[in-house]
Amino acid sequence: MEQFRKKLKTRISWLSLLSITTALMGVYGVFFAPESLKNMTVFEFQGGVLAAVCILSSINIIKYNKILKDENKLKLECYKENDERFKTIKSKAGIPIVPVLSVLIIMSGIIAGYVNITVFYTLIIVAMCQLIISIIVKLIYMKRMGGR
């Protein structure tokens, strides 16, 4: 259980770093970015993504802190995370790699969007479709295998 506790503390550290970084980037975007940049669709999308990442990472930090304070919640979360059936479902749905690839595609789309808006829209749509298909496959396997 101590190993899982350390794992959660490491996650909290990384999420804190992510939250602070995205908040600082958001502050830059609001106060210091040039006006020509602020008027671009890509920049507005980027601001929304940064805000969402900051909020979601903060929510996870709060969740993990609550889990660390209660031994029963810690055990339950540890069992949930190490459930073999759920690991199988996630691997069949491509969960280990699909979210990472989707984030990379979104980042590529944002970068390319400053040059060509059509490429931006295309890459964002591809990433969203990829995530939606992965979620649908996960739900199908959960229903078939009796997972959560």
Protein backbone atom coordinates (compact mmCIF):
# COMPACT_ATOMS: atom_id res chain seq x y z
CA MET A 1 0.00 0.00 0.00
CA GLU A 2 2.94 2.33 0.66
CA GLN A 3 4.07 1.89 -2.93
CA PHE A 4 0.63 2.97 -4.18
CA ARG A 5 0.69 5.93 -1.79
CA LYS A 6 4.04 7.03 -3.28
CA LYS A 7 2.59 6.57 -6.76
CA LEU A 8 -0.30 8.92 -5.92
CA LYS A 9 2.07 11.49 -4.42
CA THR A 10 4.13 11.40 -7.62
CA ARG A 11 0.96 11.90 -9.66
CA ILE A 12 0.02 14.86 -7.47
CA SER A 13 3.46 16.40 -8.09
CA TRP A 14 3.20 16.00 -11.86
CA LEU A 15 -0.38 17.26 -11.92
CA SER A 16 0.63 20.28 -9.83
CA LEU A 17 3.39 21.08 -12.29
CA LEU A 18 0.94 20.69 -15.19
CA SER A 19 -1.66 22.87 -13.49
CA ILE A 20 0.81 25.65 -12.72
CA THR A 21 2.28 25.54 -16.24
CA THR A 22 -1.11 25.74 -17.94
CA ALA A 23 -2.22 28.53 -15.59
CA LEU A 24 0.91 30.54 -16.41
CA MET A 25 0.38 29.97 -20.13
CA GLY A 26 -3.21 31.12 -19.73
CA VAL A 27 -2.11 34.28 -17.93
CA TYR A 28 0.35 34.98 -20.73
CA GLY A 29 -2.42 34.50 -23.28
CA VAL A 30 -4.78 36.89 -21.54
CA PHE A 31 -2.39 39.68 -20.55
CA PHE A 32 0.79 39.53 -22.62
CA ALA A 33 0.02 37.93 -26.00
CA PRO A 34 0.05 40.28 -29.00
CA GLU A 35 -3.34 41.43 -30.25
CA SER A 36 -2.75 39.88 -33.69
CA LEU A 37 -2.35 36.50 -32.02
CA LYS A 38 -5.42 36.89 -29.81
CA ASN A 39 -7.72 37.29 -32.81
CA MET A 40 -6.89 33.86 -34.24
CA THR A 41 -9.28 30.91 -33.85
CA VAL A 42 -6.37 28.64 -32.98
CA PHE A 43 -5.35 30.90 -30.11
CA GLU A 44 -8.88 30.84 -28.68
CA PHE A 45 -8.97 27.03 -28.92
CA GLN A 46 -5.56 26.86 -27.27
CA GLY A 47 -6.82 29.03 -24.40
CA GLY A 48 -9.80 26.74 -23.90
CA VAL A 49 -7.63 23.64 -23.89
CA LEU A 50 -5.26 25.23 -21.37
CA ALA A 51 -8.15 26.17 -19.08
CA ALA A 52 -9.65 22.67 -19.32
CA VAL A 53 -6.31 20.98 -18.57
CA CYS A 54 -5.71 23.29 -15.60
CA ILE A 55 -9.18 22.63 -14.14
CA LEU A 56 -9.08 18.86 -14.71
CA SER A 57 -5.60 18.50 -13.21
CA SER A 58 -6.68 20.55 -10.18
CA ILE A 59 -9.74 18.32 -9.72
CA ASN A 60 -7.52 15.22 -9.86
CA ILE A 61 -5.13 16.73 -7.31
CA ILE A 62 -8.05 17.28 -4.93
CA LYS A 63 -9.33 13.73 -5.57
CA TYR A 64 -5.93 12.16 -4.91
CA ASN A 65 -5.44 14.19 -1.73
CA LYS A 66 -8.80 12.95 -0.41
CA ILE A 67 -7.80 9.38 -1.25
CA LEU A 68 -4.46 9.75 0.55
CA LYS A 69 -6.20 10.94 3.73
CA ASP A 70 -8.56 7.93 3.99
CA GLU A 71 -7.08 4.44 4.24
CA ASN A 72 -10.29 2.74 3.01
CA LYS A 73 -10.45 4.95 -0.08
CA LEU A 74 -6.76 4.27 -0.69
CA LYS A 75 -7.31 0.51 -0.63
CA LEU A 76 -10.38 0.77 -2.85
CA GLU A 77 -8.53 2.93 -5.40
CA CYS A 78 -5.57 0.54 -5.35
CA TYR A 79 -7.86 -2.43 -6.05
CA LYS A 80 -9.64 -0.50 -8.80
CA GLU A 81 -6.39 0.40 -10.46
CA ASN A 82 -5.01 -3.13 -10.33
CA ASP A 83 -8.19 -4.91 -11.50
CA GLU A 84 -7.05 -7.31 -14.24
CA ARG A 85 -10.39 -7.32 -16.02
CA PHE A 86 -10.42 -3.55 -16.34
CA LYS A 87 -6.78 -3.55 -17.49
CA THR A 88 -7.74 -5.99 -20.26
CA ILE A 89 -10.69 -3.82 -21.31
CA LYS A 90 -8.50 -0.72 -21.44
CA SER A 91 -5.79 -2.45 -23.46
CA LYS A 92 -8.31 -3.82 -25.98
CA ALA A 93 -9.71 -0.29 -26.41
CA GLY A 94 -6.21 1.06 -27.00
CA ILE A 95 -6.33 3.21 -23.87
CA PRO A 96 -2.61 3.14 -23.13
CA ILE A 97 -1.65 4.75 -26.45
CA VAL A 98 -4.75 6.41 -27.98
CA PRO A 99 -4.96 9.32 -25.49
CA VAL A 100 -1.24 10.02 -25.88
CA LEU A 101 -1.51 10.00 -29.68
CA SER A 102 -4.61 12.20 -29.53
CA VAL A 103 -2.84 14.77 -27.36
CA LEU A 104 0.09 14.79 -29.78
CA ILE A 105 -2.30 15.24 -32.72
CA ILE A 106 -4.05 18.12 -30.93
CA MET A 107 -0.71 19.78 -30.16
CA SER A 108 0.33 19.33 -33.78
CA GLY A 109 -2.97 20.80 -34.90
CA ILE A 110 -2.52 23.86 -32.70
CA ILE A 111 1.00 24.43 -34.01
CA ALA A 112 -0.05 23.87 -37.63
CA GLY A 113 -3.12 26.04 -37.12
CA TYR A 114 -1.01 29.16 -36.94
CA VAL A 115 0.06 28.41 -40.52
CA ASN A 116 -3.02 26.78 -42.06
CA ILE A 117 -6.48 26.75 -40.43
CA THR A 118 -7.70 23.80 -42.55
CA VAL A 119 -4.93 21.58 -41.17
CA PHE A 120 -5.90 22.71 -37.66
CA TYR A 121 -9.54 21.72 -38.11
CA THR A 122 -8.60 18.43 -39.76
CA LEU A 123 -6.20 17.36 -37.00
CA ILE A 124 -8.60 18.33 -34.22
CA ILE A 125 -11.41 16.35 -35.87
CA VAL A 126 -9.09 13.35 -36.29
CA ALA A 127 -8.09 13.46 -32.61
CA MET A 128 -11.71 13.75 -31.44
CA CYS A 129 -12.83 10.87 -33.69
CA GLN A 130 -9.97 8.74 -32.40
CA LEU A 131 -10.96 9.41 -28.78
CA ILE A 132 -14.66 8.80 -29.43
CA ILE A 133 -13.98 5.48 -31.18
CA SER A 134 -11.73 4.39 -28.30
CA ILE A 135 -14.44 5.25 -25.77
CA ILE A 136 -17.08 3.36 -27.76
CA VAL A 137 -14.85 0.28 -27.99
CA LYS A 138 -14.15 0.51 -24.25
CA LEU A 139 -17.88 0.70 -23.46
CA ILE A 140 -18.60 -2.30 -25.70
CA TYR A 141 -15.92 -4.40 -23.99
CA MET A 142 -17.09 -3.27 -20.55
CA LYS A 143 -20.59 -4.47 -21.37
CA ARG A 144 -19.34 -7.79 -22.76
CA MET A 145 -16.83 -8.50 -19.99
CA GLY A 146 -18.93 -7.17 -17.11
CA GLY A 147 -16.53 -4.40 -16.11
CA ARG A 148 -17.36 -1.18 -14.33
